[in-house]
C-alpha atoms as a PDB file:
ATOM      1  CA  MET A   1       5.618 -53.568  18.452  1.00  0.00           C
ATOM      2  CA  VAL A   2       7.541 -52.843  15.244  1.00  0.00           C
ATOM      3  CA  LYS A   3      10.843 -51.066  15.784  1.00  0.00           C
ATOM      4  CA  VAL A   4      11.591 -48.246  13.365  1.00  0.00           C
ATOM      5  CA  LYS A   5      15.102 -46.973  12.748  1.00  0.00           C
ATOM      6  CA  LYS A   6      15.802 -43.376  11.847  1.00  0.00           C
ATOM      7  CA  GLU A   7      16.713 -42.929   8.224  1.00  0.00           C
ATOM      8  CA  ALA A   8      18.979 -40.148   6.952  1.00  0.00           C
ATOM      9  CA  GLY A   9      16.960 -37.413   5.255  1.00  0.00           C
ATOM     10  CA  ALA A  10      13.638 -39.130   5.998  1.00  0.00           C
ATOM     11  CA  GLU A  11      12.154 -36.250   7.978  1.00  0.00           C
ATOM     12  CA  GLN A  12      12.865 -33.725   5.235  1.00  0.00           C
ATOM     13  CA  ARG A  13      11.457 -36.097   2.610  1.00  0.00           C
ATOM     14  CA  ILE A  14       8.314 -36.441   4.684  1.00  0.00           C
ATOM     15  CA  LEU A  15       7.922 -32.667   4.962  1.00  0.00           C
ATOM     16  CA  GLU A  16       8.390 -32.200   1.211  1.00  0.00           C
ATOM     17  CA  ALA A  17       5.944 -35.016   0.461  1.00  0.00           C
ATOM     18  CA  ALA A  18       3.412 -33.591   2.913  1.00  0.00           C
ATOM     19  CA  LYS A  19       3.613 -30.154   1.274  1.00  0.00           C
ATOM     20  CA  LYS A  20       2.766 -31.731  -2.063  1.00  0.00           C
ATOM     21  CA  VAL A  21      -0.077 -33.925  -0.766  1.00  0.00           C
ATOM     22  CA  PHE A  22      -1.631 -31.189   1.403  1.00  0.00           C
ATOM     23  CA  MET A  23      -1.436 -28.754  -1.497  1.00  0.00           C
ATOM     24  CA  GLN A  24      -3.224 -31.193  -3.805  1.00  0.00           C
ATOM     25  CA  LYS A  25      -5.814 -32.565  -1.377  1.00  0.00           C
ATOM     26  CA  GLY A  26      -6.004 -30.182   1.571  1.00  0.00           C
ATOM     27  CA  LEU A  27      -5.961 -31.321   5.178  1.00  0.00           C
ATOM     28  CA  ALA A  28      -9.283 -33.166   5.051  1.00  0.00           C
ATOM     29  CA  GLY A  29      -8.559 -35.081   1.854  1.00  0.00           C
ATOM     30  CA  ALA A  30      -4.958 -36.074   2.591  1.00  0.00           C
ATOM     31  CA  ARG A  31      -4.166 -39.480   4.112  1.00  0.00           C
ATOM     32  CA  MET A  32      -1.048 -40.514   5.975  1.00  0.00           C
ATOM     33  CA  GLN A  33      -0.645 -43.349   3.473  1.00  0.00           C
ATOM     34  CA  ASP A  34      -0.603 -40.802   0.621  1.00  0.00           C
ATOM     35  CA  ILE A  35       2.205 -38.921   2.337  1.00  0.00           C
ATOM     36  CA  ALA A  36       4.160 -42.094   3.094  1.00  0.00           C
ATOM     37  CA  ASP A  37       3.848 -43.205  -0.543  1.00  0.00           C
ATOM     38  CA  GLU A  38       4.962 -39.808  -1.812  1.00  0.00           C
ATOM     39  CA  ALA A  39       7.971 -39.835   0.553  1.00  0.00           C
ATOM     40  CA  GLY A  40       8.894 -43.403  -0.426  1.00  0.00           C
ATOM     41  CA  ILE A  41       8.648 -44.768   3.114  1.00  0.00           C
ATOM     42  CA  ASN A  42       6.279 -47.043   5.009  1.00  0.00           C
ATOM     43  CA  LYS A  43       3.517 -45.695   7.221  1.00  0.00           C
ATOM     44  CA  ALA A  44       5.207 -46.958  10.399  1.00  0.00           C
ATOM     45  CA  MET A  45       8.202 -44.707   9.713  1.00  0.00           C
ATOM     46  CA  LEU A  46       5.896 -41.769   8.973  1.00  0.00           C
ATOM     47  CA  HIS A  47       4.167 -42.226  12.342  1.00  0.00           C
ATOM     48  CA  TYR A  48       7.572 -42.513  14.008  1.00  0.00           C
ATOM     49  CA  TYR A  49       8.438 -38.985  12.898  1.00  0.00           C
ATOM     50  CA  PHE A  50       4.946 -37.465  13.058  1.00  0.00           C
ATOM     51  CA  ARG A  51       2.296 -39.078  15.245  1.00  0.00           C
ATOM     52  CA  SER A  52      -0.709 -37.734  13.339  1.00  0.00           C
ATOM     53  CA  LYS A  53      -1.736 -35.953  10.185  1.00  0.00           C
ATOM     54  CA  ASP A  54      -2.752 -32.898  12.197  1.00  0.00           C
ATOM     55  CA  LYS A  55       0.683 -32.659  13.842  1.00  0.00           C
ATOM     56  CA  LEU A  56       2.385 -32.918  10.467  1.00  0.00           C
ATOM     57  CA  PHE A  57       0.081 -30.313   9.000  1.00  0.00           C
ATOM     58  CA  GLU A  58       0.861 -27.921  11.853  1.00  0.00           C
ATOM     59  CA  VAL A  59       4.583 -28.145  11.089  1.00  0.00           C
ATOM     60  CA  ILE A  60       4.038 -27.536   7.364  1.00  0.00           C
ATOM     61  CA  PHE A  61       1.521 -24.795   7.909  1.00  0.00           C
ATOM     62  CA  LYS A  62       3.639 -22.838  10.353  1.00  0.00           C
ATOM     63  CA  GLU A  63       6.712 -23.153   8.186  1.00  0.00           C
ATOM     64  CA  ALA A  64       4.867 -22.109   5.042  1.00  0.00           C
ATOM     65  CA  ALA A  65       2.484 -19.377   6.134  1.00  0.00           C
ATOM     66  CA  SER A  66       3.399 -17.950   9.536  1.00  0.00           C
ATOM     67  CA  ASN A  67       6.191 -15.836   8.059  1.00  0.00           C
ATOM     68  CA  LEU A  68       4.014 -14.535   5.245  1.00  0.00           C
ATOM     69  CA  PHE A  69       0.780 -13.113   6.632  1.00  0.00           C
ATOM     70  CA  PRO A  70       2.059 -11.387   9.794  1.00  0.00           C
ATOM     71  CA  LYS A  71       4.834  -9.832   7.726  1.00  0.00           C
ATOM     72  CA  MET A  72       2.385  -8.499   5.131  1.00  0.00           C
ATOM     73  CA  VAL A  73       0.075  -7.127   7.837  1.00  0.00           C
ATOM     74  CA  ALA A  74       3.070  -5.421   9.473  1.00  0.00           C
ATOM     75  CA  ILE A  75       3.940  -3.718   6.179  1.00  0.00           C
ATOM     76  CA  ILE A  76       0.342  -2.503   5.772  1.00  0.00           C
ATOM     77  CA  SER A  77       0.587  -0.886   9.235  1.00  0.00           C
ATOM     78  CA  GLU A  78       4.104   0.473   8.784  1.00  0.00           C
ATOM     79  CA  ASP A  79       4.696   4.230   9.025  1.00  0.00           C
ATOM     80  CA  ILE A  80       5.978   4.776   5.475  1.00  0.00           C
ATOM     81  CA  SER A  81       4.524   6.491   2.422  1.00  0.00           C
ATOM     82  CA  LEU A  82       1.688   4.734   0.592  1.00  0.00           C
ATOM     83  CA  PHE A  83       3.733   4.239  -2.566  1.00  0.00           C
ATOM     84  CA  ASP A  84       6.668   2.814  -0.597  1.00  0.00           C
ATOM     85  CA  LYS A  85       4.198   0.551   1.199  1.00  0.00           C
ATOM     86  CA  ILE A  86       2.897  -0.813  -2.112  1.00  0.00           C
ATOM     87  CA  ARG A  87       6.451  -1.373  -3.376  1.00  0.00           C
ATOM     88  CA  LYS A  88       7.552  -3.114  -0.167  1.00  0.00           C
ATOM     89  CA  PHE A  89       4.416  -5.258   0.065  1.00  0.00           C
ATOM     90  CA  THR A  90       4.664  -6.647  -3.469  1.00  0.00           C
ATOM     91  CA  LYS A  91       8.445  -7.115  -3.317  1.00  0.00           C
ATOM     92  CA  GLU A  92       8.485  -8.999  -0.015  1.00  0.00           C
ATOM     93  CA  TYR A  93       5.363 -11.034  -0.778  1.00  0.00           C
ATOM     94  CA  LEU A  94       6.856 -12.251  -4.042  1.00  0.00           C
ATOM     95  CA  GLU A  95      10.247 -12.951  -2.447  1.00  0.00           C
ATOM     96  CA  ILE A  96       8.587 -15.364  -0.024  1.00  0.00           C
ATOM     97  CA  VAL A  97       6.325 -17.018  -2.603  1.00  0.00           C
ATOM     98  CA  ILE A  98       9.071 -17.421  -5.216  1.00  0.00           C
ATOM     99  CA  GLU A  99      10.927 -19.561  -2.681  1.00  0.00           C
ATOM    100  CA  ASN A 100       7.706 -21.338  -1.615  1.00  0.00           C
ATOM    101  CA  PRO A 101       5.687 -21.608  -4.864  1.00  0.00           C
ATOM    102  CA  TYR A 102       3.261 -24.157  -3.381  1.00  0.00           C
ATOM    103  CA  LEU A 103       2.177 -21.648  -0.725  1.00  0.00           C
ATOM    104  CA  PRO A 104      -0.670 -19.786  -2.546  1.00  0.00           C
ATOM    105  CA  LEU A 105      -2.563 -22.986  -3.414  1.00  0.00           C
ATOM    106  CA  PHE A 106      -1.820 -24.457  -0.013  1.00  0.00           C
ATOM    107  CA  VAL A 107      -3.207 -21.411   1.780  1.00  0.00           C
ATOM    108  CA  LEU A 108      -6.208 -20.997  -0.538  1.00  0.00           C
ATOM    109  CA  ASN A 109      -7.251 -24.596   0.093  1.00  0.00           C
ATOM    110  CA  GLU A 110      -7.282 -24.003   3.842  1.00  0.00           C
ATOM    111  CA  ILE A 111      -8.949 -20.592   3.649  1.00  0.00           C
ATOM    112  CA  ASN A 112     -11.822 -22.102   1.666  1.00  0.00           C
ATOM    113  CA  LYS A 113     -12.134 -25.228   3.804  1.00  0.00           C
ATOM    114  CA  GLN A 114     -11.722 -23.763   7.287  1.00  0.00           C
ATOM    115  CA  PRO A 115     -11.483 -19.945   7.253  1.00  0.00           C
ATOM    116  CA  VAL A 116     -12.032 -19.507  10.996  1.00  0.00           C
ATOM    117  CA  ASN A 117      -9.275 -21.963  11.913  1.00  0.00           C
ATOM    118  CA  PHE A 118      -6.956 -20.400   9.348  1.00  0.00           C
ATOM    119  CA  HIS A 119      -7.487 -16.933  10.789  1.00  0.00           C
ATOM    120  CA  ALA A 120      -6.893 -18.204  14.329  1.00  0.00           C
ATOM    121  CA  LYS A 121      -3.666 -19.953  13.338  1.00  0.00           C
ATOM    122  CA  MET A 122      -2.333 -16.882  11.574  1.00  0.00           C
ATOM    123  CA  PHE A 123      -3.359 -14.088  13.905  1.00  0.00           C
ATOM    124  CA  GLY A 124      -4.630 -15.632  17.146  1.00  0.00           C
ATOM    125  CA  ALA A 125      -7.104 -13.455  19.025  1.00  0.00           C
ATOM    126  CA  LYS A 126      -5.756 -10.242  17.488  1.00  0.00           C
ATOM    127  CA  PRO A 127      -7.180  -9.538  14.012  1.00  0.00           C
ATOM    128  CA  PRO A 128      -5.194  -7.458  11.504  1.00  0.00           C
ATOM    129  CA  ASP A 129      -5.620  -3.714  11.962  1.00  0.00           C
ATOM    130  CA  PHE A 130      -6.081  -1.846   8.691  1.00  0.00           C
ATOM    131  CA  SER A 131      -7.089   1.444  10.287  1.00  0.00           C
ATOM    132  CA  LEU A 132      -3.735   3.105   9.543  1.00  0.00           C
ATOM    133  CA  LEU A 133      -4.015   2.186   5.854  1.00  0.00           C
ATOM    134  CA  VAL A 134      -7.564   3.568   5.689  1.00  0.00           C
ATOM    135  CA  LYS A 135      -6.450   6.864   7.251  1.00  0.00           C
ATOM    136  CA  GLN A 136      -3.409   7.014   5.002  1.00  0.00           C
ATOM    137  CA  ILE A 137      -5.473   6.541   1.847  1.00  0.00           C
ATOM    138  CA  ASP A 138      -8.023   9.153   2.958  1.00  0.00           C
ATOM    139  CA  SER A 139      -5.179  11.585   3.659  1.00  0.00           C
ATOM    140  CA  GLU A 140      -3.500  10.990   0.280  1.00  0.00           C
ATOM    141  CA  VAL A 141      -6.853  11.463  -1.520  1.00  0.00           C
ATOM    142  CA  LYS A 142      -7.500  14.753   0.292  1.00  0.00           C
ATOM    143  CA  LYS A 143      -3.993  15.971  -0.580  1.00  0.00           C
ATOM    144  CA  GLY A 144      -4.634  15.217  -4.233  1.00  0.00           C
ATOM    145  CA  ILE A 145      -1.789  12.679  -4.414  1.00  0.00           C
ATOM    146  CA  ILE A 146      -3.993   9.728  -5.419  1.00  0.00           C
ATOM    147  CA  LYS A 147      -7.426   9.118  -6.883  1.00  0.00           C
ATOM    148  CA  PRO A 148     -10.171   7.906  -4.532  1.00  0.00           C
ATOM    149  CA  ILE A 149      -9.798   4.154  -3.954  1.00  0.00           C
ATOM    150  CA  SER A 150     -11.187   1.702  -1.438  1.00  0.00           C
ATOM    151  CA  PRO A 151      -8.508   0.264   0.889  1.00  0.00           C
ATOM    152  CA  VAL A 152     -10.130  -3.152   0.361  1.00  0.00           C
ATOM    153  CA  HIS A 153      -9.739  -2.894  -3.408  1.00  0.00           C
ATOM    154  CA  LEU A 154      -6.144  -1.750  -3.054  1.00  0.00           C
ATOM    155  CA  VAL A 155      -5.209  -4.744  -0.880  1.00  0.00           C
ATOM    156  CA  MET A 156      -7.132  -7.125  -3.153  1.00  0.00           C
ATOM    157  CA  ASN A 157      -5.368  -5.711  -6.211  1.00  0.00           C
ATOM    158  CA  MET A 158      -1.942  -6.227  -4.654  1.00  0.00           C
ATOM    159  CA  MET A 159      -2.771  -9.722  -3.406  1.00  0.00           C
ATOM    160  CA  SER A 160      -4.416 -10.960  -6.601  1.00  0.00           C
ATOM    161  CA  MET A 161      -1.666  -9.678  -8.877  1.00  0.00           C
ATOM    162  CA  CYS A 162       0.936 -11.393  -6.701  1.00  0.00           C
ATOM    163  CA  VAL A 163      -0.946 -14.668  -6.252  1.00  0.00           C
ATOM    164  CA  PHE A 164      -2.495 -15.343  -9.667  1.00  0.00           C
ATOM    165  CA  PRO A 165       0.690 -16.304 -11.571  1.00  0.00           C
ATOM    166  CA  PHE A 166       1.524 -19.006  -9.022  1.00  0.00           C
ATOM    167  CA  ILE A 167      -1.993 -20.458  -9.028  1.00  0.00           C
ATOM    168  CA  SER A 168      -2.075 -20.529 -12.824  1.00  0.00           C
ATOM    169  CA  LYS A 169       1.589 -21.448 -13.322  1.00  0.00           C
ATOM    170  CA  PRO A 170       1.015 -24.716 -15.259  1.00  0.00           C
ATOM    171  CA  MET A 171      -1.357 -22.991 -17.679  1.00  0.00           C
ATOM    172  CA  LEU A 172       0.886 -19.946 -18.087  1.00  0.00           C
ATOM    173  CA  GLN A 173       3.921 -22.097 -18.799  1.00  0.00           C
ATOM    174  CA  ILE A 174       2.080 -24.016 -21.514  1.00  0.00           C
ATOM    175  CA  VAL A 175       0.489 -20.968 -23.133  1.00  0.00           C
ATOM    176  CA  MET A 176       3.594 -18.783 -22.888  1.00  0.00           C
ATOM    177  CA  HIS A 177       6.069 -21.624 -23.626  1.00  0.00           C
ATOM    178  CA  MET A 178       8.030 -20.965 -20.421  1.00  0.00           C
ATOM    179  CA  ASP A 179      10.239 -23.316 -18.449  1.00  0.00           C
ATOM    180  CA  ASP A 180      10.722 -22.992 -14.663  1.00  0.00           C
ATOM    181  CA  LEU A 181      13.732 -20.702 -15.013  1.00  0.00           C
ATOM    182  CA  GLN A 182      11.865 -18.341 -17.331  1.00  0.00           C
ATOM    183  CA  PHE A 183       8.865 -18.328 -15.008  1.00  0.00           C
ATOM    184  CA  ARG A 184      11.062 -17.453 -12.038  1.00  0.00           C
ATOM    185  CA  TYR A 185      12.697 -14.629 -14.016  1.00  0.00           C
ATOM    186  CA  LEU A 186       9.226 -13.282 -14.832  1.00  0.00           C
ATOM    187  CA  MET A 187       8.248 -13.379 -11.153  1.00  0.00           C
ATOM    188  CA  GLU A 188      11.442 -11.526 -10.219  1.00  0.00           C
ATOM    189  CA  GLN A 189      10.397  -8.794 -12.650  1.00  0.00           C
ATOM    190  CA  ARG A 190       6.952  -8.622 -11.076  1.00  0.00           C
ATOM    191  CA  LYS A 191       8.484  -7.450  -7.783  1.00  0.00           C
ATOM    192  CA  THR A 192       8.609  -3.997  -9.367  1.00  0.00           C
ATOM    193  CA  GLU A 193       6.127  -4.388 -12.243  1.00  0.00           C
ATOM    194  CA  ILE A 194       3.117  -4.894  -9.968  1.00  0.00           C
ATOM    195  CA  ALA A 195       3.947  -1.937  -7.735  1.00  0.00           C
ATOM    196  CA  ASN A 196       4.560   0.358 -10.714  1.00  0.00           C
ATOM    197  CA  PHE A 197       1.286  -0.711 -12.339  1.00  0.00           C
ATOM    198  CA  ILE A 198      -0.778  -0.121  -9.196  1.00  0.00           C
ATOM    199  CA  ILE A 199       0.897   3.183  -8.347  1.00  0.00           C
ATOM    200  CA  ASP A 200       0.431   4.467 -11.908  1.00  0.00           C
ATOM    201  CA  SER A 201      -3.248   3.499 -11.741  1.00  0.00           C
ATOM    202  CA  ILE A 202      -4.031   5.459  -8.556  1.00  0.00           C
ATOM    203  CA  LYS A 203      -1.732   8.482  -8.609  1.00  0.00           C
ATOM    204  CA  LYS A 204      -2.956  11.808  -9.976  1.00  0.00           C
END
């Protein structure tokens, strides 16, 4: 049996390498050798820290996504005004993704490849409850505060406007001649820009 010695910083390098490989290839397409190569270590050391690809994926997945989706669902159900809800949702979503820019592609890969497993990992046996948002929108429409809008469309609008820039980042940077610092500054602006745009589009 080959003895493997711990190496300073190896575990963090493995996690960073795994994020990159899983983002590019998804869980099914990624190989432990790919991750070892990306981390600059041999496969024996990789197995020393993480016994299997699935175990490594679980660590990455929980770190990357478990703070995002439950938090966004909690905001949707929070007892605050609809406009404040839109502002808080877009601000906090972007704050998380700005610090974890690989997350949208990472999550989209898994949603498309194994939606049932993704849902179970994020929410367990308790699905998100959007009933409060539906009632809130109906109430605001009846009061004449906002135009009629489907709750599904509202959530999709918020999500898509937050997610798209990160998915299309390489293209946007080339077309708009932006470096990483300029892109980050633009995303910081979107914390308020998206909310203002959506609110202006639905309020009477």
